[in-house]
Amino acid sequence: MAGNAQKIIELDRKRMQAMADKDIATLNALISDDLVYTHSSARLDTKKSLIGNMESGSTVYTSVVPSDVKAQDLGDTVVLTGSCRISVMSNGKPNSFGVRFTDVYANKNGNWQMIAWQSTRTPD
C-alpha cells in the first residue's frame, strides 16, 4: 500500500474544499464515522457534530486553504502535517486564522477516510 502520500494530500485538499463548499456528500464519504476532530480552540467534534454544525449554519467555513503539506505513508495509514488558513463564520461571527495541523487518514476496506485532525493556531 506504499505510495499513497500524494493521493492522500489531494484527497485532503478535496475534503477542505468540500468544507468551504458545504458539500456534505463529499464530507460524508471522506470522513470516518469514528472521527476525532480537535479544533485549534481545543473543542472536540465527531463526524456527526462537525457536519451537523455545518448543516445547521452554526459553523460556516468560507475558505480552507492548505500549504506546506507533507505526508508520512505508513501503509494503510497516512499522516499529514502542514499549515492551513481557515476563514469561518462561527455563531455569526467572522474569524480568519492560520493553523498547523496533523491529519490522519486510514484505508478502511479500500476507502481512504480521515480519522483524526489536531490543529494549533499560529500567531498572525
PDB file of N, CA and C in Angstrom:
ATOM      1  N   MET A   1       0.810  -1.208   0.000  1.00  0.00           N
ATOM      2  CA  MET A   1       0.000   0.000   0.000  1.00  0.00           C
ATOM      3  C   MET A   1       0.852   1.271   0.000  1.00  0.00           C
ATOM      4  N   ALA A   2       2.160   1.117  -0.050  1.00  0.00           N
ATOM      5  CA  ALA A   2       3.016   2.306  -0.066  1.00  0.00           C
ATOM      6  C   ALA A   2       2.749   3.107  -1.339  1.00  0.00           C
ATOM      7  N   GLY A   3       3.125   4.371  -1.323  1.00  0.00           N
ATOM      8  CA  GLY A   3       2.937   5.210  -2.483  1.00  0.00           C
ATOM      9  C   GLY A   3       1.642   5.997  -2.471  1.00  0.00           C
ATOM     10  N   ASN A   4       1.025   6.125  -1.308  1.00  0.00           N
ATOM     11  CA  ASN A   4      -0.252   6.830  -1.198  1.00  0.00           C
ATOM     12  C   ASN A   4      -0.118   8.289  -0.779  1.00  0.00           C
ATOM     13  N   ALA A   5       1.080   8.758  -0.542  1.00  0.00           N
ATOM     14  CA  ALA A   5       1.285  10.098   0.021  1.00  0.00           C
ATOM     15  C   ALA A   5       0.598  11.185  -0.804  1.00  0.00           C
ATOM     16  N   GLN A   6       0.911  11.274  -2.090  1.00  0.00           N
ATOM     17  CA  GLN A   6       0.345  12.345  -2.918  1.00  0.00           C
ATOM     18  C   GLN A   6      -1.166  12.194  -3.070  1.00  0.00           C
ATOM     19  N   LYS A   7      -1.622  10.954  -3.176  1.00  0.00           N
ATOM     20  CA  LYS A   7      -3.056  10.690  -3.288  1.00  0.00           C
ATOM     21  C   LYS A   7      -3.814  11.247  -2.083  1.00  0.00           C
ATOM     22  N   ILE A   8      -3.275  11.049  -0.882  1.00  0.00           N
ATOM     23  CA  ILE A   8      -3.950  11.496   0.334  1.00  0.00           C
ATOM     24  C   ILE A   8      -3.851  13.008   0.490  1.00  0.00           C
ATOM     25  N   ILE A   9      -2.740  13.605   0.084  1.00  0.00           N
ATOM     26  CA  ILE A   9      -2.638  15.071   0.101  1.00  0.00           C
ATOM     27  C   ILE A   9      -3.749  15.664  -0.775  1.00  0.00           C
ATOM     28  N   GLU A  10      -3.951  15.089  -1.954  1.00  0.00           N
ATOM     29  CA  GLU A  10      -5.010  15.577  -2.857  1.00  0.00           C
ATOM     30  C   GLU A  10      -6.403  15.298  -2.289  1.00  0.00           C
ATOM     31  N   LEU A  11      -6.573  14.147  -1.671  1.00  0.00           N
ATOM     32  CA  LEU A  11      -7.861  13.805  -1.063  1.00  0.00           C
ATOM     33  C   LEU A  11      -8.197  14.790   0.059  1.00  0.00           C
ATOM     34  N   ASP A  12      -7.184  15.187   0.832  1.00  0.00           N
ATOM     35  CA  ASP A  12      -7.426  16.125   1.919  1.00  0.00           C
ATOM     36  C   ASP A  12      -7.737  17.522   1.382  1.00  0.00           C
ATOM     37  N   ARG A  13      -7.111  17.912   0.283  1.00  0.00           N
ATOM     38  CA  ARG A  13      -7.466  19.188  -0.363  1.00  0.00           C
ATOM     39  C   ARG A  13      -8.935  19.157  -0.780  1.00  0.00           C
ATOM     40  N   LYS A  14      -9.359  18.012  -1.300  1.00  0.00           N
ATOM     41  CA  LYS A  14     -10.764  17.850  -1.701  1.00  0.00           C
ATOM     42  C   LYS A  14     -11.683  17.982  -0.484  1.00  0.00           C
ATOM     43  N   ARG A  15     -11.280  17.389   0.644  1.00  0.00           N
ATOM     44  CA  ARG A  15     -12.074  17.499   1.875  1.00  0.00           C
ATOM     45  C   ARG A  15     -12.152  18.944   2.342  1.00  0.00           C
ATOM     46  N   MET A  16     -11.040  19.656   2.318  1.00  0.00           N
ATOM     47  CA  MET A  16     -11.032  21.057   2.748  1.00  0.00           C
ATOM     48  C   MET A  16     -11.921  21.905   1.838  1.00  0.00           C
ATOM     49  N   GLN A  17     -11.858  21.661   0.532  1.00  0.00           N
ATOM     50  CA  GLN A  17     -12.704  22.398  -0.404  1.00  0.00           C
ATOM     51  C   GLN A  17     -14.179  22.070  -0.158  1.00  0.00           C
ATOM     52  N   ALA A  18     -14.452  20.808   0.150  1.00  0.00           N
ATOM     53  CA  ALA A  18     -15.833  20.393   0.444  1.00  0.00           C
ATOM     54  C   ALA A  18     -16.360  21.104   1.691  1.00  0.00           C
ATOM     55  N   MET A  19     -15.492  21.370   2.665  1.00  0.00           N
ATOM     56  CA  MET A  19     -15.912  22.118   3.856  1.00  0.00           C
ATOM     57  C   MET A  19     -16.319  23.536   3.461  1.00  0.00           C
ATOM     58  N   ALA A  20     -15.508  24.185   2.619  1.00  0.00           N
ATOM     59  CA  ALA A  20     -15.812  25.551   2.184  1.00  0.00           C
ATOM     60  C   ALA A  20     -17.046  25.587   1.280  1.00  0.00           C
ATOM     61  N   ASP A  21     -17.252  24.516   0.504  1.00  0.00           N
ATOM     62  CA  ASP A  21     -18.394  24.445  -0.410  1.00  0.00           C
ATOM     63  C   ASP A  21     -19.658  23.898   0.254  1.00  0.00           C
ATOM     64  N   LYS A  22     -19.527  23.480   1.511  1.00  0.00           N
ATOM     65  CA  LYS A  22     -20.635  22.840   2.247  1.00  0.00           C
ATOM     66  C   LYS A  22     -21.154  21.633   1.448  1.00  0.00           C
ATOM     67  N   ASP A  23     -20.206  20.860   0.925  1.00  0.00           N
ATOM     68  CA  ASP A  23     -20.506  19.661   0.130  1.00  0.00           C
ATOM     69  C   ASP A  23     -20.602  18.468   1.085  1.00  0.00           C
ATOM     70  N   ILE A  24     -21.785  18.285   1.652  1.00  0.00           N
ATOM     71  CA  ILE A  24     -21.999  17.290   2.704  1.00  0.00           C
ATOM     72  C   ILE A  24     -21.776  15.866   2.190  1.00  0.00           C
ATOM     73  N   ALA A  25     -22.171  15.579   0.958  1.00  0.00           N
ATOM     74  CA  ALA A  25     -21.988  14.228   0.404  1.00  0.00           C
ATOM     75  C   ALA A  25     -20.509  13.862   0.342  1.00  0.00           C
ATOM     76  N   THR A  26     -19.681  14.785  -0.111  1.00  0.00           N
ATOM     77  CA  THR A  26     -18.235  14.524  -0.170  1.00  0.00           C
ATOM     78  C   THR A  26     -17.666  14.359   1.230  1.00  0.00           C
ATOM     79  N   LEU A  27     -18.091  15.205   2.162  1.00  0.00           N
ATOM     80  CA  LEU A  27     -17.605  15.097   3.543  1.00  0.00           C
ATOM     81  C   LEU A  27     -17.999  13.756   4.157  1.00  0.00           C
ATOM     82  N   ASN A  28     -19.230  13.322   3.929  1.00  0.00           N
ATOM     83  CA  ASN A  28     -19.657  12.022   4.460  1.00  0.00           C
ATOM     84  C   ASN A  28     -18.815  10.885   3.904  1.00  0.00           C
ATOM     85  N   ALA A  29     -18.392  10.999   2.653  1.00  0.00           N
ATOM     86  CA  ALA A  29     -17.569   9.950   2.037  1.00  0.00           C
ATOM     87  C   ALA A  29     -16.131   9.971   2.552  1.00  0.00           C
ATOM     88  N   LEU A  30     -15.588  11.160   2.806  1.00  0.00           N
ATOM     89  CA  LEU A  30     -14.173  11.297   3.151  1.00  0.00           C
ATOM     90  C   LEU A  30     -13.880  11.264   4.643  1.00  0.00           C
ATOM     91  N   ILE A  31     -14.907  11.391   5.481  1.00  0.00           N
ATOM     92  CA  ILE A  31     -14.703  11.429   6.928  1.00  0.00           C
ATOM     93  C   ILE A  31     -15.215  10.135   7.549  1.00  0.00           C
ATOM     94  N   SER A  32     -14.386   9.528   8.375  1.00  0.00           N
ATOM     95  CA  SER A  32     -14.734   8.278   9.047  1.00  0.00           C
ATOM     96  C   SER A  32     -15.786   8.515  10.130  1.00  0.00           C
ATOM     97  N   ASP A  33     -16.642   7.527  10.330  1.00  0.00           N
ATOM     98  CA  ASP A  33     -17.666   7.612  11.370  1.00  0.00           C
ATOM     99  C   ASP A  33     -17.062   7.782  12.759  1.00  0.00           C
ATOM    100  N   ASP A  34     -15.806   7.326  12.946  1.00  0.00           N
ATOM    101  CA  ASP A  34     -15.166   7.427  14.262  1.00  0.00           C
ATOM    102  C   ASP A  34     -14.164   8.585  14.350  1.00  0.00           C
ATOM    103  N   LEU A  35     -14.387   9.621  13.541  1.00  0.00           N
ATOM    104  CA  LEU A  35     -13.520  10.797  13.533  1.00  0.00           C
ATOM    105  C   LEU A  35     -13.379  11.421  14.917  1.00  0.00           C
ATOM    106  N   VAL A  36     -12.150  11.849  15.238  1.00  0.00           N
ATOM    107  CA  VAL A  36     -11.875  12.706  16.394  1.00  0.00           C
ATOM    108  C   VAL A  36     -11.262  13.979  15.813  1.00  0.00           C
ATOM    109  N   TYR A  37     -12.015  15.079  15.881  1.00  0.00           N
ATOM    110  CA  TYR A  37     -11.610  16.354  15.288  1.00  0.00           C
ATOM    111  C   TYR A  37     -11.375  17.347  16.410  1.00  0.00           C
ATOM    112  N   THR A  38     -10.107  17.704  16.629  1.00  0.00           N
ATOM    113  CA  THR A  38      -9.744  18.644  17.686  1.00  0.00           C
ATOM    114  C   THR A  38      -9.428  19.993  17.044  1.00  0.00           C
ATOM    115  N   HIS A  39     -10.300  20.972  17.311  1.00  0.00           N
ATOM    116  CA  HIS A  39     -10.132  22.315  16.759  1.00  0.00           C
ATOM    117  C   HIS A  39      -8.973  23.021  17.460  1.00  0.00           C
ATOM    118  N   SER A  40      -8.519  24.117  16.852  1.00  0.00           N
ATOM    119  CA  SER A  40      -7.427  24.900  17.448  1.00  0.00           C
ATOM    120  C   SER A  40      -7.850  25.533  18.770  1.00  0.00           C
ATOM    121  N   SER A  41      -9.149  25.598  19.026  1.00  0.00           N
ATOM    122  CA  SER A  41      -9.665  26.122  20.298  1.00  0.00           C
ATOM    123  C   SER A  41      -9.764  25.036  21.367  1.00  0.00           C
ATOM    124  N   ALA A  42      -9.396  23.815  21.011  1.00  0.00           N
ATOM    125  CA  ALA A  42      -9.458  22.625  21.867  1.00  0.00           C
ATOM    126  C   ALA A  42     -10.854  22.002  21.903  1.00  0.00           C
ATOM    127  N   ARG A  43     -11.812  22.580  21.186  1.00  0.00           N
ATOM    128  CA  ARG A  43     -13.141  21.971  21.091  1.00  0.00           C
ATOM    129  C   ARG A  43     -13.035  20.675  20.295  1.00  0.00           C
ATOM    130  N   LEU A  44     -13.770  19.670  20.750  1.00  0.00           N
ATOM    131  CA  LEU A  44     -13.784  18.378  20.071  1.00  0.00           C
ATOM    132  C   LEU A  44     -15.056  18.215  19.261  1.00  0.00           C
ATOM    133  N   ASP A  45     -14.925  17.596  18.100  1.00  0.00           N
ATOM    134  CA  ASP A  45     -16.072  17.241  17.285  1.00  0.00           C
ATOM    135  C   ASP A  45     -15.954  15.792  16.847  1.00  0.00           C
ATOM    136  N   THR A  46     -17.104  15.180  16.641  1.00  0.00           N
ATOM    137  CA  THR A  46     -17.207  13.884  15.980  1.00  0.00           C
ATOM    138  C   THR A  46     -17.606  14.177  14.543  1.00  0.00           C
ATOM    139  N   LYS A  47     -17.687  13.151  13.708  1.00  0.00           N
ATOM    140  CA  LYS A  47     -18.178  13.349  12.349  1.00  0.00           C
ATOM    141  C   LYS A  47     -19.570  13.954  12.392  1.00  0.00           C
ATOM    142  N   LYS A  48     -20.423  13.392  13.234  1.00  0.00           N
ATOM    143  CA  LYS A  48     -21.812  13.843  13.321  1.00  0.00           C
ATOM    144  C   LYS A  48     -21.911  15.302  13.750  1.00  0.00           C
ATOM    145  N   SER A  49     -21.146  15.691  14.776  1.00  0.00           N
ATOM    146  CA  SER A  49     -21.235  17.070  15.260  1.00  0.00           C
ATOM    147  C   SER A  49     -20.566  18.055  14.301  1.00  0.00           C
ATOM    148  N   LEU A  50     -19.456  17.669  13.678  1.00  0.00           N
ATOM    149  CA  LEU A  50     -18.770  18.549  12.731  1.00  0.00           C
ATOM    150  C   LEU A  50     -19.683  18.863  11.550  1.00  0.00           C
ATOM    151  N   ILE A  51     -20.226  17.829  10.934  1.00  0.00           N
ATOM    152  CA  ILE A  51     -21.107  18.022   9.779  1.00  0.00           C
ATOM    153  C   ILE A  51     -22.427  18.652  10.216  1.00  0.00           C
ATOM    154  N   GLY A  52     -22.938  18.266  11.377  1.00  0.00           N
ATOM    155  CA  GLY A  52     -24.173  18.840  11.894  1.00  0.00           C
ATOM    156  C   GLY A  52     -24.078  20.342  12.103  1.00  0.00           C
ATOM    157  N   ASN A  53     -22.948  20.804  12.636  1.00  0.00           N
ATOM    158  CA  ASN A  53     -22.742  22.240  12.839  1.00  0.00           C
ATOM    159  C   ASN A  53     -22.682  22.984  11.510  1.00  0.00           C
ATOM    160  N   MET A  54     -22.131  22.328  10.485  1.00  0.00           N
ATOM    161  CA  MET A  54     -22.090  22.942   9.161  1.00  0.00           C
ATOM    162  C   MET A  54     -23.486  22.991   8.544  1.00  0.00           C
ATOM    163  N   GLU A  55     -24.233  21.906   8.702  1.00  0.00           N
ATOM    164  CA  GLU A  55     -25.592  21.852   8.137  1.00  0.00           C
ATOM    165  C   GLU A  55     -26.529  22.857   8.806  1.00  0.00           C
ATOM    166  N   SER A  56     -26.376  23.048  10.116  1.00  0.00           N
ATOM    167  CA  SER A  56     -27.254  23.972  10.854  1.00  0.00           C
ATOM    168  C   SER A  56     -26.886  25.429  10.608  1.00  0.00           C
ATOM    169  N   GLY A  57     -25.672  25.668  10.111  1.00  0.00           N
ATOM    170  CA  GLY A  57     -25.216  27.033   9.877  1.00  0.00           C
ATOM    171  C   GLY A  57     -24.509  27.651  11.062  1.00  0.00           C
ATOM    172  N   SER A  58     -24.367  26.912  12.163  1.00  0.00           N
ATOM    173  CA  SER A  58     -23.658  27.484  13.311  1.00  0.00           C
ATOM    174  C   SER A  58     -22.161  27.617  13.029  1.00  0.00           C
ATOM    175  N   THR A  59     -21.632  26.761  12.145  1.00  0.00           N
ATOM    176  CA  THR A  59     -20.249  26.872  11.683  1.00  0.00           C
ATOM    177  C   THR A  59     -20.271  26.861  10.156  1.00  0.00           C
ATOM    178  N   VAL A  60     -19.809  27.968   9.560  1.00  0.00           N
ATOM    179  CA  VAL A  60     -19.778  28.072   8.099  1.00  0.00           C
ATOM    180  C   VAL A  60     -18.341  28.369   7.674  1.00  0.00           C
ATOM    181  N   TYR A  61     -17.698  27.364   7.094  1.00  0.00           N
ATOM    182  CA  TYR A  61     -16.344  27.553   6.579  1.00  0.00           C
ATOM    183  C   TYR A  61     -16.460  28.271   5.241  1.00  0.00           C
ATOM    184  N   THR A  62     -15.789  29.424   5.115  1.00  0.00           N
ATOM    185  CA  THR A  62     -15.826  30.153   3.852  1.00  0.00           C
ATOM    186  C   THR A  62     -14.569  29.899   3.025  1.00  0.00           C
ATOM    187  N   SER A  63     -13.491  29.483   3.687  1.00  0.00           N
ATOM    188  CA  SER A  63     -12.246  29.177   2.979  1.00  0.00           C
ATOM    189  C   SER A  63     -11.376  28.299   3.872  1.00  0.00           C
ATOM    190  N   VAL A  64     -10.810  27.250   3.277  1.00  0.00           N
ATOM    191  CA  VAL A  64      -9.872  26.379   3.980  1.00  0.00           C
ATOM    192  C   VAL A  64      -8.753  26.085   2.981  1.00  0.00           C
ATOM    193  N   VAL A  65      -7.590  26.722   3.191  1.00  0.00           N
ATOM    194  CA  VAL A  65      -6.512  26.652   2.204  1.00  0.00           C
ATOM    195  C   VAL A  65      -5.238  26.076   2.840  1.00  0.00           C
ATOM    196  N   PRO A  66      -4.855  24.861   2.436  1.00  0.00           N
ATOM    197  CA  PRO A  66      -3.655  24.241   2.990  1.00  0.00           C
ATOM    198  C   PRO A  66      -2.379  24.730   2.305  1.00  0.00           C
ATOM    199  N   SER A  67      -1.263  24.595   3.019  1.00  0.00           N
ATOM    200  CA  SER A  67       0.056  24.885   2.441  1.00  0.00           C
ATOM    201  C   SER A  67       1.111  24.036   3.140  1.00  0.00           C
ATOM    202  N   ASP A  68       2.217  23.828   2.446  1.00  0.00           N
ATOM    203  CA  ASP A  68       3.368  23.115   3.006  1.00  0.00           C
ATOM    204  C   ASP A  68       2.966  21.760   3.600  1.00  0.00           C
ATOM    205  N   VAL A  69       2.100  21.023   2.903  1.00  0.00           N
ATOM    206  CA  VAL A  69       1.619  19.739   3.416  1.00  0.00           C
ATOM    207  C   VAL A  69       2.624  18.637   3.083  1.00  0.00           C
ATOM    208  N   LYS A  70       2.950  17.860   4.095  1.00  0.00           N
ATOM    209  CA  LYS A  70       3.854  16.709   3.962  1.00  0.00           C
ATOM    210  C   LYS A  70       3.090  15.463   4.389  1.00  0.00           C
ATOM    211  N   ALA A  71       3.462  14.326   3.818  1.00  0.00           N
ATOM    212  CA  ALA A  71       2.776  13.077   4.142  1.00  0.00           C
ATOM    213  C   ALA A  71       3.780  12.019   4.586  1.00  0.00           C
ATOM    214  N   GLN A  72       3.384  11.258   5.605  1.00  0.00           N
ATOM    215  CA  GLN A  72       4.126  10.068   6.035  1.00  0.00           C
ATOM    216  C   GLN A  72       3.239   8.880   5.687  1.00  0.00           C
ATOM    217  N   ASP A  73       3.674   8.094   4.713  1.00  0.00           N
ATOM    218  CA  ASP A  73       2.902   6.939   4.259  1.00  0.00           C
ATOM    219  C   ASP A  73       3.303   5.727   5.088  1.00  0.00           C
ATOM    220  N   LEU A  74       2.369   5.221   5.886  1.00  0.00           N
ATOM    221  CA  LEU A  74       2.633   4.089   6.768  1.00  0.00           C
ATOM    222  C   LEU A  74       1.875   2.847   6.313  1.00  0.00           C
ATOM    223  N   GLY A  75       1.535   2.791   5.038  1.00  0.00           N
ATOM    224  CA  GLY A  75       0.808   1.638   4.511  1.00  0.00           C
ATOM    225  C   GLY A  75      -0.677   1.913   4.469  1.00  0.00           C
ATOM    226  N   ASP A  76      -1.423   1.365   5.428  1.00  0.00           N
ATOM    227  CA  ASP A  76      -2.865   1.593   5.485  1.00  0.00           C
ATOM    228  C   ASP A  76      -3.230   2.849   6.263  1.00  0.00           C
ATOM    229  N   THR A  77      -2.213   3.623   6.654  1.00  0.00           N
ATOM    230  CA  THR A  77      -2.411   4.888   7.350  1.00  0.00           C
ATOM    231  C   THR A  77      -1.461   5.918   6.750  1.00  0.00           C
ATOM    232  N   VAL A  78      -1.956   7.128   6.558  1.00  0.00           N
ATOM    233  CA  VAL A  78      -1.122   8.234   6.098  1.00  0.00           C
ATOM    234  C   VAL A  78      -1.332   9.400   7.050  1.00  0.00           C
ATOM    235  N   VAL A  79      -0.220   9.949   7.547  1.00  0.00           N
ATOM    236  CA  VAL A  79      -0.259  11.093   8.461  1.00  0.00           C
ATOM    237  C   VAL A  79       0.178  12.331   7.684  1.00  0.00           C
ATOM    238  N   LEU A  80      -0.680  13.337   7.676  1.00  0.00           N
ATOM    239  CA  LEU A  80      -0.367  14.599   7.022  1.00  0.00           C
ATOM    240  C   LEU A  80      -0.022  15.647   8.071  1.00  0.00           C
ATOM    241  N   THR A  81       0.949  16.495   7.765  1.00  0.00           N
ATOM    242  CA  THR A  81       1.251  17.658   8.586  1.00  0.00           C
ATOM    243  C   THR A  81       1.385  18.843   7.651  1.00  0.00           C
ATOM    244  N   GLY A  82       1.019  20.007   8.130  1.00  0.00           N
ATOM    245  CA  GLY A  82       1.123  21.190   7.290  1.00  0.00           C
ATOM    246  C   GLY A  82       0.533  22.404   7.962  1.00  0.00           C
ATOM    247  N   SER A  83       0.319  23.417   7.154  1.00  0.00           N
ATOM    248  CA  SER A  83      -0.296  24.653   7.598  1.00  0.00           C
ATOM    249  C   SER A  83      -1.604  24.833   6.845  1.00  0.00           C
ATOM    250  N   CYS A  84      -2.461  25.672   7.398  1.00  0.00           N
ATOM    251  CA  CYS A  84      -3.747  25.907   6.770  1.00  0.00           C
ATOM    252  C   CYS A  84      -4.245  27.279   7.182  1.00  0.00           C
ATOM    253  N   ARG A  85      -4.857  27.968   6.246  1.00  0.00           N
ATOM    254  CA  ARG A  85      -5.519  29.252   6.532  1.00  0.00           C
ATOM    255  C   ARG A  85      -7.019  28.990   6.501  1.00  0.00           C
ATOM    256  N   ILE A  86      -7.700  29.285   7.595  1.00  0.00           N
ATOM    257  CA  ILE A  86      -9.124  28.986   7.735  1.00  0.00           C
ATOM    258  C   ILE A  86      -9.899  30.285   7.931  1.00  0.00           C
ATOM    259  N   SER A  87     -10.943  30.460   7.142  1.00  0.00           N
ATOM    260  CA  SER A  87     -11.895  31.555   7.339  1.00  0.00           C
ATOM    261  C   SER A  87     -13.234  30.905   7.637  1.00  0.00           C
ATOM    262  N   VAL A  88     -13.873  31.360   8.718  1.00  0.00           N
ATOM    263  CA  VAL A  88     -15.084  30.704   9.202  1.00  0.00           C
ATOM    264  C   VAL A  88     -16.019  31.723   9.845  1.00  0.00           C
ATOM    265  N   MET A  89     -17.302  31.444   9.727  1.00  0.00           N
ATOM    266  CA  MET A  89     -18.320  32.180  10.485  1.00  0.00           C
ATOM    267  C   MET A  89     -18.772  31.223  11.574  1.00  0.00           C
ATOM    268  N   SER A  90     -18.517  31.583  12.822  1.00  0.00           N
ATOM    269  CA  SER A  90     -18.897  30.733  13.939  1.00  0.00           C
ATOM    270  C   SER A  90     -19.924  31.466  14.791  1.00  0.00           C
ATOM    271  N   ASN A  91     -21.130  30.927  14.832  1.00  0.00           N
ATOM    272  CA  ASN A  91     -22.238  31.564  15.539  1.00  0.00           C
ATOM    273  C   ASN A  91     -22.414  33.026  15.106  1.00  0.00           C
ATOM    274  N   GLY A  92     -22.283  33.245  13.791  1.00  0.00           N
ATOM    275  CA  GLY A  92     -22.495  34.572  13.220  1.00  0.00           C
ATOM    276  C   GLY A  92     -21.313  35.511  13.283  1.00  0.00           C
ATOM    277  N   LYS A  93     -20.195  35.073  13.862  1.00  0.00           N
ATOM    278  CA  LYS A  93     -19.019  35.929  13.987  1.00  0.00           C
ATOM    279  C   LYS A  93     -17.932  35.462  13.015  1.00  0.00           C
ATOM    280  N   PRO A  94     -17.430  36.384  12.150  1.00  0.00           N
ATOM    281  CA  PRO A  94     -16.372  36.005  11.224  1.00  0.00           C
ATOM    282  C   PRO A  94     -15.029  35.862  11.941  1.00  0.00           C
ATOM    283  N   ASN A  95     -14.247  34.912  11.486  1.00  0.00           N
ATOM    284  CA  ASN A  95     -12.932  34.691  12.062  1.00  0.00           C
ATOM    285  C   ASN A  95     -12.028  34.132  10.965  1.00  0.00           C
ATOM    286  N   SER A  96     -10.782  34.559  10.951  1.00  0.00           N
ATOM    287  CA  SER A  96      -9.806  34.053   9.992  1.00  0.00           C
ATOM    288  C   SER A  96      -8.482  33.880  10.722  1.00  0.00           C
ATOM    289  N   PHE A  97      -7.868  32.739  10.544  1.00  0.00           N
ATOM    290  CA  PHE A  97      -6.644  32.448  11.286  1.00  0.00           C
ATOM    291  C   PHE A  97      -5.860  31.334  10.597  1.00  0.00           C
ATOM    292  N   GLY A  98      -4.613  31.220  10.988  1.00  0.00           N
ATOM    293  CA  GLY A  98      -3.760  30.153  10.496  1.00  0.00           C
ATOM    294  C   GLY A  98      -3.603  29.072  11.551  1.00  0.00           C
ATOM    295  N   VAL A  99      -3.375  27.841  11.090  1.00  0.00           N
ATOM    296  CA  VAL A  99      -3.107  26.723  11.989  1.00  0.00           C
ATOM    297  C   VAL A  99      -1.986  25.859  11.423  1.00  0.00           C
ATOM    298  N   ARG A 100      -1.338  25.139  12.305  1.00  0.00           N
ATOM    299  CA  ARG A 100      -0.503  23.996  11.938  1.00  0.00           C
ATOM    300  C   ARG A 100      -1.345  22.792  12.289  1.00  0.00           C
ATOM    301  N   PHE A 101      -1.305  21.760  11.464  1.00  0.00           N
ATOM    302  CA  PHE A 101      -2.179  20.621  11.717  1.00  0.00           C
ATOM    303  C   PHE A 101      -1.483  19.280  11.532  1.00  0.00           C
ATOM    304  N   THR A 102      -2.061  18.300  12.189  1.00  0.00           N
ATOM    305  CA  THR A 102      -1.771  16.892  11.967  1.00  0.00           C
ATOM    306  C   THR A 102      -3.107  16.253  11.610  1.00  0.00           C
ATOM    307  N   ASP A 103      -3.115  15.511  10.534  1.00  0.00           N
ATOM    308  CA  ASP A 103      -4.336  14.957   9.958  1.00  0.00           C
ATOM    309  C   ASP A 103      -4.040  13.497   9.615  1.00  0.00           C
ATOM    310  N   VAL A 104      -4.902  12.588  10.012  1.00  0.00           N
ATOM    311  CA  VAL A 104      -4.636  11.159   9.818  1.00  0.00           C
ATOM    312  C   VAL A 104      -5.740  10.534   8.960  1.00  0.00           C
ATOM    313  N   TYR A 105      -5.311   9.823   7.926  1.00  0.00           N
ATOM    314  CA  TYR A 105      -6.218   9.073   7.058  1.00  0.00           C
ATOM    315  C   TYR A 105      -5.914   7.594   7.194  1.00  0.00           C
ATOM    316  N   ALA A 106      -6.957   6.774   7.145  1.00  0.00           N
ATOM    317  CA  ALA A 106      -6.802   5.318   7.201  1.00  0.00           C
ATOM    318  C   ALA A 106      -7.539   4.700   6.014  1.00  0.00           C
ATOM    319  N   ASN A 107      -6.969   3.615   5.499  1.00  0.00           N
ATOM    320  CA  ASN A 107      -7.611   2.862   4.431  1.00  0.00           C
ATOM    321  C   ASN A 107      -8.559   1.870   5.094  1.00  0.00           C
ATOM    322  N   LYS A 108      -9.849   2.111   4.904  1.00  0.00           N
ATOM    323  CA  LYS A 108     -10.878   1.256   5.507  1.00  0.00           C
ATOM    324  C   LYS A 108     -11.592   0.510   4.389  1.00  0.00           C
ATOM    325  N   ASN A 109     -11.238  -0.755   4.235  1.00  0.00           N
ATOM    326  CA  ASN A 109     -11.848  -1.602   3.202  1.00  0.00           C
ATOM    327  C   ASN A 109     -11.738  -0.975   1.813  1.00  0.00           C
ATOM    328  N   GLY A 110     -10.574  -0.405   1.508  1.00  0.00           N
ATOM    329  CA  GLY A 110     -10.328   0.169   0.192  1.00  0.00           C
ATOM    330  C   GLY A 110     -10.715   1.627   0.051  1.00  0.00           C
ATOM    331  N   ASN A 111     -11.317   2.213   1.090  1.00  0.00           N
ATOM    332  CA  ASN A 111     -11.701   3.625   1.062  1.00  0.00           C
ATOM    333  C   ASN A 111     -10.863   4.408   2.057  1.00  0.00           C
ATOM    334  N   TRP A 112     -10.212   5.460   1.572  1.00  0.00           N
ATOM    335  CA  TRP A 112      -9.428   6.320   2.445  1.00  0.00           C
ATOM    336  C   TRP A 112     -10.352   7.329   3.115  1.00  0.00           C
ATOM    337  N   GLN A 113     -10.267   7.401   4.454  1.00  0.00           N
ATOM    338  CA  GLN A 113     -11.088   8.340   5.211  1.00  0.00           C
ATOM    339  C   GLN A 113     -10.258   9.006   6.301  1.00  0.00           C
ATOM    340  N   MET A 114     -10.601  10.271   6.585  1.00  0.00           N
ATOM    341  CA  MET A 114      -9.945  11.000   7.664  1.00  0.00           C
ATOM    342  C   MET A 114     -10.463  10.468   8.999  1.00  0.00           C
ATOM    343  N   ILE A 115      -9.527  10.103   9.885  1.00  0.00           N
ATOM    344  CA  ILE A 115      -9.912   9.577  11.192  1.00  0.00           C
ATOM    345  C   ILE A 115      -9.550  10.518  12.341  1.00  0.00           C
ATOM    346  N   ALA A 116      -8.625  11.454  12.099  1.00  0.00           N
ATOM    347  CA  ALA A 116      -8.223  12.366  13.176  1.00  0.00           C
ATOM    348  C   ALA A 116      -7.688  13.670  12.607  1.00  0.00           C
ATOM    349  N   TRP A 117      -7.965  14.761  13.315  1.00  0.00           N
ATOM    350  CA  TRP A 117      -7.460  16.101  12.990  1.00  0.00           C
ATOM    351  C   TRP A 117      -7.106  16.776  14.299  1.00  0.00           C
ATOM    352  N   GLN A 118      -5.939  17.398  14.338  1.00  0.00           N
ATOM    353  CA  GLN A 118      -5.494  18.175  15.503  1.00  0.00           C
ATOM    354  C   GLN A 118      -4.837  19.427  14.954  1.00  0.00           C
ATOM    355  N   SER A 119      -5.272  20.586  15.412  1.00  0.00           N
ATOM    356  CA  SER A 119      -4.676  21.823  14.914  1.00  0.00           C
ATOM    357  C   SER A 119      -4.311  22.753  16.057  1.00  0.00           C
ATOM    358  N   THR A 120      -3.292  23.565  15.794  1.00  0.00           N
ATOM    359  CA  THR A 120      -2.819  24.563  16.748  1.00  0.00           C
ATOM    360  C   THR A 120      -2.743  25.887  16.019  1.00  0.00           C
ATOM    361  N   ARG A 121      -3.352  26.907  16.594  1.00  0.00           N
ATOM    362  CA  ARG A 121      -3.357  28.222  15.967  1.00  0.00           C
ATOM    363  C   ARG A 121      -1.943  28.789  15.895  1.00  0.00           C
ATOM    364  N   THR A 122      -1.646  29.452  14.797  1.00  0.00           N
ATOM    365  CA  THR A 122      -0.343  30.096  14.637  1.00  0.00           C
ATOM    366  C   THR A 122      -0.500  31.592  14.904  1.00  0.00           C
ATOM    367  N   PRO A 123       0.568  32.245  15.367  1.00  0.00           N
ATOM    368  CA  PRO A 123       0.473  33.692  15.569  1.00  0.00           C
ATOM    369  C   PRO A 123       0.338  34.386  14.215  1.00  0.00           C
ATOM    370  N   ASP A 124      -0.562  35.338  14.121  1.00  0.00           N
ATOM    371  CA  ASP A 124      -0.754  36.057  12.851  1.00  0.00           C
ATOM    372  C   ASP A 124       0.104  37.300  12.774  1.00  0.00           C
TER     373      ASP A 124
END
